[in-house]
């Protein structure tokens, strides 16, 4: 885990992403998705660095997907360091974040509260 890469504006875990060597992240002009990313555009317009800093509970852009939305809610409730701690512990215990062609353990949820409990415990 590359903890220093943190969490993307939308809630995705840059720190666990397999593409993090090719991406400068949301805040860089190197972001490959900067032309279409609604979360990047919206957060820049609001002058915030991450969607979890927004007071509005929305499902715009990638927040329409349960994983980024759940990670964002987790940070709103428990803080960024708590999320990073859980993700790091879970990775060490074999929990898989998505990779190209691989559905990760965080991807298999329909209920956001169940996802948050899985983040906290690392167990199903």
C-alpha atoms as a PDB file:
ATOM      1  CA  UNK A   1       0.000   0.000   0.000  1.00  0.00           C
ATOM      2  CA  UNK A   2       1.229   3.456  -0.884  1.00  0.00           C
ATOM      3  CA  UNK A   3      -0.424   5.318   1.975  1.00  0.00           C
ATOM      4  CA  UNK A   4       0.966   8.672   0.838  1.00  0.00           C
ATOM      5  CA  UNK A   5      -1.270   8.502  -2.258  1.00  0.00           C
ATOM      6  CA  UNK A   6      -4.319   8.550  -0.012  1.00  0.00           C
ATOM      7  CA  UNK A   7      -7.895   8.647  -1.232  1.00  0.00           C
ATOM      8  CA  UNK A   8      -9.126  10.146  -4.507  1.00  0.00           C
ATOM      9  CA  UNK A   9     -11.624  13.008  -4.546  1.00  0.00           C
ATOM     10  CA  UNK A  10     -14.438  10.540  -5.225  1.00  0.00           C
ATOM     11  CA  UNK A  11     -13.412   8.083  -2.514  1.00  0.00           C
ATOM     12  CA  UNK A  12     -11.492   5.509  -4.545  1.00  0.00           C
ATOM     13  CA  UNK A  13      -8.343   4.261  -2.812  1.00  0.00           C
ATOM     14  CA  UNK A  14      -5.403   5.633  -4.800  1.00  0.00           C
ATOM     15  CA  UNK A  15      -3.187   4.105  -2.121  1.00  0.00           C
ATOM     16  CA  UNK A  16      -4.225   0.610  -3.268  1.00  0.00           C
ATOM     17  CA  UNK A  17      -4.698   1.189  -6.981  1.00  0.00           C
ATOM     18  CA  UNK A  18      -2.609  -0.916  -9.345  1.00  0.00           C
ATOM     19  CA  UNK A  19      -2.420   2.038 -11.737  1.00  0.00           C
ATOM     20  CA  UNK A  20      -0.896   4.469  -9.229  1.00  0.00           C
ATOM     21  CA  UNK A  21       2.482   4.437 -10.955  1.00  0.00           C
ATOM     22  CA  UNK A  22       0.889   5.845 -14.118  1.00  0.00           C
ATOM     23  CA  UNK A  23      -1.428   8.400 -12.499  1.00  0.00           C
ATOM     24  CA  UNK A  24      -0.572  11.667 -10.795  1.00  0.00           C
ATOM     25  CA  UNK A  25      -3.908  11.646  -9.000  1.00  0.00           C
ATOM     26  CA  UNK A  26      -6.978  13.834  -9.047  1.00  0.00           C
ATOM     27  CA  UNK A  27      -5.234  17.021  -8.057  1.00  0.00           C
ATOM     28  CA  UNK A  28      -2.593  16.826 -10.749  1.00  0.00           C
ATOM     29  CA  UNK A  29      -2.926  18.011 -14.296  1.00  0.00           C
ATOM     30  CA  UNK A  30      -1.768  14.499 -15.238  1.00  0.00           C
ATOM     31  CA  UNK A  31      -5.072  12.894 -14.246  1.00  0.00           C
ATOM     32  CA  UNK A  32      -6.121  10.766 -17.228  1.00  0.00           C
ATOM     33  CA  UNK A  33      -9.815  11.249 -16.378  1.00  0.00           C
ATOM     34  CA  UNK A  34      -9.818  15.012 -15.823  1.00  0.00           C
ATOM     35  CA  UNK A  35     -11.927  15.716 -18.924  1.00  0.00           C
ATOM     36  CA  UNK A  36     -14.912  13.637 -17.833  1.00  0.00           C
ATOM     37  CA  UNK A  37     -14.697  13.256 -14.031  1.00  0.00           C
ATOM     38  CA  UNK A  38     -17.738  14.905 -12.472  1.00  0.00           C
ATOM     39  CA  UNK A  39     -16.269  14.599  -8.975  1.00  0.00           C
ATOM     40  CA  UNK A  40     -13.097  16.430  -9.960  1.00  0.00           C
ATOM     41  CA  UNK A  41     -15.061  19.213 -11.629  1.00  0.00           C
ATOM     42  CA  UNK A  42     -17.556  19.600  -8.783  1.00  0.00           C
ATOM     43  CA  UNK A  43     -14.983  19.545  -5.973  1.00  0.00           C
ATOM     44  CA  UNK A  44     -12.810  22.095  -7.791  1.00  0.00           C
ATOM     45  CA  UNK A  45     -15.841  24.365  -8.239  1.00  0.00           C
ATOM     46  CA  UNK A  46     -16.559  24.079  -4.494  1.00  0.00           C
ATOM     47  CA  UNK A  47     -12.912  24.659  -3.582  1.00  0.00           C
ATOM     48  CA  UNK A  48     -12.537  21.355  -1.725  1.00  0.00           C
ATOM     49  CA  UNK A  49     -10.006  18.573  -2.217  1.00  0.00           C
ATOM     50  CA  UNK A  50     -12.280  15.567  -1.635  1.00  0.00           C
ATOM     51  CA  UNK A  51     -15.981  14.739  -1.837  1.00  0.00           C
ATOM     52  CA  UNK A  52     -15.904  13.634   1.808  1.00  0.00           C
ATOM     53  CA  UNK A  53     -15.353  17.307   2.717  1.00  0.00           C
ATOM     54  CA  UNK A  54     -18.639  18.304   1.103  1.00  0.00           C
ATOM     55  CA  UNK A  55     -21.685  18.786   3.305  1.00  0.00           C
ATOM     56  CA  UNK A  56     -24.011  17.509   0.590  1.00  0.00           C
ATOM     57  CA  UNK A  57     -24.734  13.790   0.499  1.00  0.00           C
ATOM     58  CA  UNK A  58     -24.788  13.179  -3.249  1.00  0.00           C
ATOM     59  CA  UNK A  59     -24.194  10.332  -5.648  1.00  0.00           C
ATOM     60  CA  UNK A  60     -22.756  12.334  -8.498  1.00  0.00           C
ATOM     61  CA  UNK A  61     -20.201  10.775 -10.841  1.00  0.00           C
ATOM     62  CA  UNK A  62     -18.293   7.882  -9.295  1.00  0.00           C
ATOM     63  CA  UNK A  63     -20.237   8.329  -6.055  1.00  0.00           C
ATOM     64  CA  UNK A  64     -23.070   6.545  -7.864  1.00  0.00           C
ATOM     65  CA  UNK A  65     -21.019   3.384  -7.299  1.00  0.00           C
ATOM     66  CA  UNK A  66     -21.188   1.790  -3.891  1.00  0.00           C
ATOM     67  CA  UNK A  67     -17.439   1.456  -3.209  1.00  0.00           C
ATOM     68  CA  UNK A  68     -16.427   5.118  -3.626  1.00  0.00           C
ATOM     69  CA  UNK A  69     -19.645   6.207  -1.928  1.00  0.00           C
ATOM     70  CA  UNK A  70     -19.003   3.837   0.993  1.00  0.00           C
ATOM     71  CA  UNK A  71     -15.394   4.944   1.358  1.00  0.00           C
ATOM     72  CA  UNK A  72     -16.564   8.584   1.330  1.00  0.00           C
ATOM     73  CA  UNK A  73     -19.183   7.904   4.021  1.00  0.00           C
ATOM     74  CA  UNK A  74     -16.577   6.042   6.067  1.00  0.00           C
ATOM     75  CA  UNK A  75     -14.271   9.080   6.033  1.00  0.00           C
ATOM     76  CA  UNK A  76     -17.130  11.416   6.938  1.00  0.00           C
ATOM     77  CA  UNK A  77     -17.910   9.232   9.975  1.00  0.00           C
ATOM     78  CA  UNK A  78     -14.480   8.085  11.148  1.00  0.00           C
ATOM     79  CA  UNK A  79     -11.844  10.198   9.402  1.00  0.00           C
ATOM     80  CA  UNK A  80      -9.288   9.686   6.670  1.00  0.00           C
ATOM     81  CA  UNK A  81      -6.649   8.121   8.939  1.00  0.00           C
ATOM     82  CA  UNK A  82      -9.140   5.515  10.165  1.00  0.00           C
ATOM     83  CA  UNK A  83      -9.943   4.540   6.576  1.00  0.00           C
ATOM     84  CA  UNK A  84      -6.271   4.312   5.632  1.00  0.00           C
ATOM     85  CA  UNK A  85      -5.560   2.250   8.766  1.00  0.00           C
ATOM     86  CA  UNK A  86      -8.389  -0.174   7.929  1.00  0.00           C
ATOM     87  CA  UNK A  87      -7.383  -0.476   4.274  1.00  0.00           C
ATOM     88  CA  UNK A  88      -3.763  -1.126   5.238  1.00  0.00           C
ATOM     89  CA  UNK A  89      -4.703  -3.737   7.839  1.00  0.00           C
ATOM     90  CA  UNK A  90      -7.151  -5.395   5.445  1.00  0.00           C
ATOM     91  CA  UNK A  91      -4.572  -5.547   2.652  1.00  0.00           C
ATOM     92  CA  UNK A  92      -2.058  -7.181   5.015  1.00  0.00           C
ATOM     93  CA  UNK A  93      -4.754  -9.720   5.897  1.00  0.00           C
ATOM     94  CA  UNK A  94      -5.393 -10.633   2.256  1.00  0.00           C
ATOM     95  CA  UNK A  95      -8.342  -8.396   1.363  1.00  0.00           C
ATOM     96  CA  UNK A  96      -8.054  -7.589  -2.346  1.00  0.00           C
ATOM     97  CA  UNK A  97      -8.713  -4.176  -3.871  1.00  0.00           C
ATOM     98  CA  UNK A  98      -9.833  -4.321  -7.503  1.00  0.00           C
ATOM     99  CA  UNK A  99      -7.265  -4.743 -10.226  1.00  0.00           C
ATOM    100  CA  UNK A 100      -7.725  -4.736 -13.953  1.00  0.00           C
ATOM    101  CA  UNK A 101      -9.780  -7.813 -14.709  1.00  0.00           C
ATOM    102  CA  UNK A 102     -10.218  -8.732 -11.021  1.00  0.00           C
ATOM    103  CA  UNK A 103     -13.275  -7.963  -8.937  1.00  0.00           C
ATOM    104  CA  UNK A 104     -11.971  -7.007  -5.501  1.00  0.00           C
ATOM    105  CA  UNK A 105     -13.400  -7.835  -2.080  1.00  0.00           C
ATOM    106  CA  UNK A 106     -14.757  -4.293  -1.643  1.00  0.00           C
ATOM    107  CA  UNK A 107     -16.671  -4.538  -4.938  1.00  0.00           C
ATOM    108  CA  UNK A 108     -19.094  -7.269  -3.939  1.00  0.00           C
ATOM    109  CA  UNK A 109     -21.613  -5.249  -1.894  1.00  0.00           C
ATOM    110  CA  UNK A 110     -25.136  -4.006  -2.509  1.00  0.00           C
ATOM    111  CA  UNK A 111     -25.581  -2.330   0.879  1.00  0.00           C
ATOM    112  CA  UNK A 112     -23.355   0.586   1.908  1.00  0.00           C
ATOM    113  CA  UNK A 113     -23.618  -0.187   5.641  1.00  0.00           C
ATOM    114  CA  UNK A 114     -22.420  -3.751   5.031  1.00  0.00           C
ATOM    115  CA  UNK A 115     -19.478  -2.353   3.058  1.00  0.00           C
ATOM    116  CA  UNK A 116     -18.608   0.020   5.903  1.00  0.00           C
ATOM    117  CA  UNK A 117     -18.699  -2.858   8.403  1.00  0.00           C
ATOM    118  CA  UNK A 118     -16.437  -4.881   6.096  1.00  0.00           C
ATOM    119  CA  UNK A 119     -13.973  -1.980   5.897  1.00  0.00           C
ATOM    120  CA  UNK A 120     -13.950  -1.789   9.698  1.00  0.00           C
ATOM    121  CA  UNK A 121     -13.586  -5.511  10.330  1.00  0.00           C
ATOM    122  CA  UNK A 122     -12.012  -6.913   7.173  1.00  0.00           C
ATOM    123  CA  UNK A 123     -14.344  -9.886   7.608  1.00  0.00           C
ATOM    124  CA  UNK A 124     -17.618 -10.937   6.019  1.00  0.00           C
END
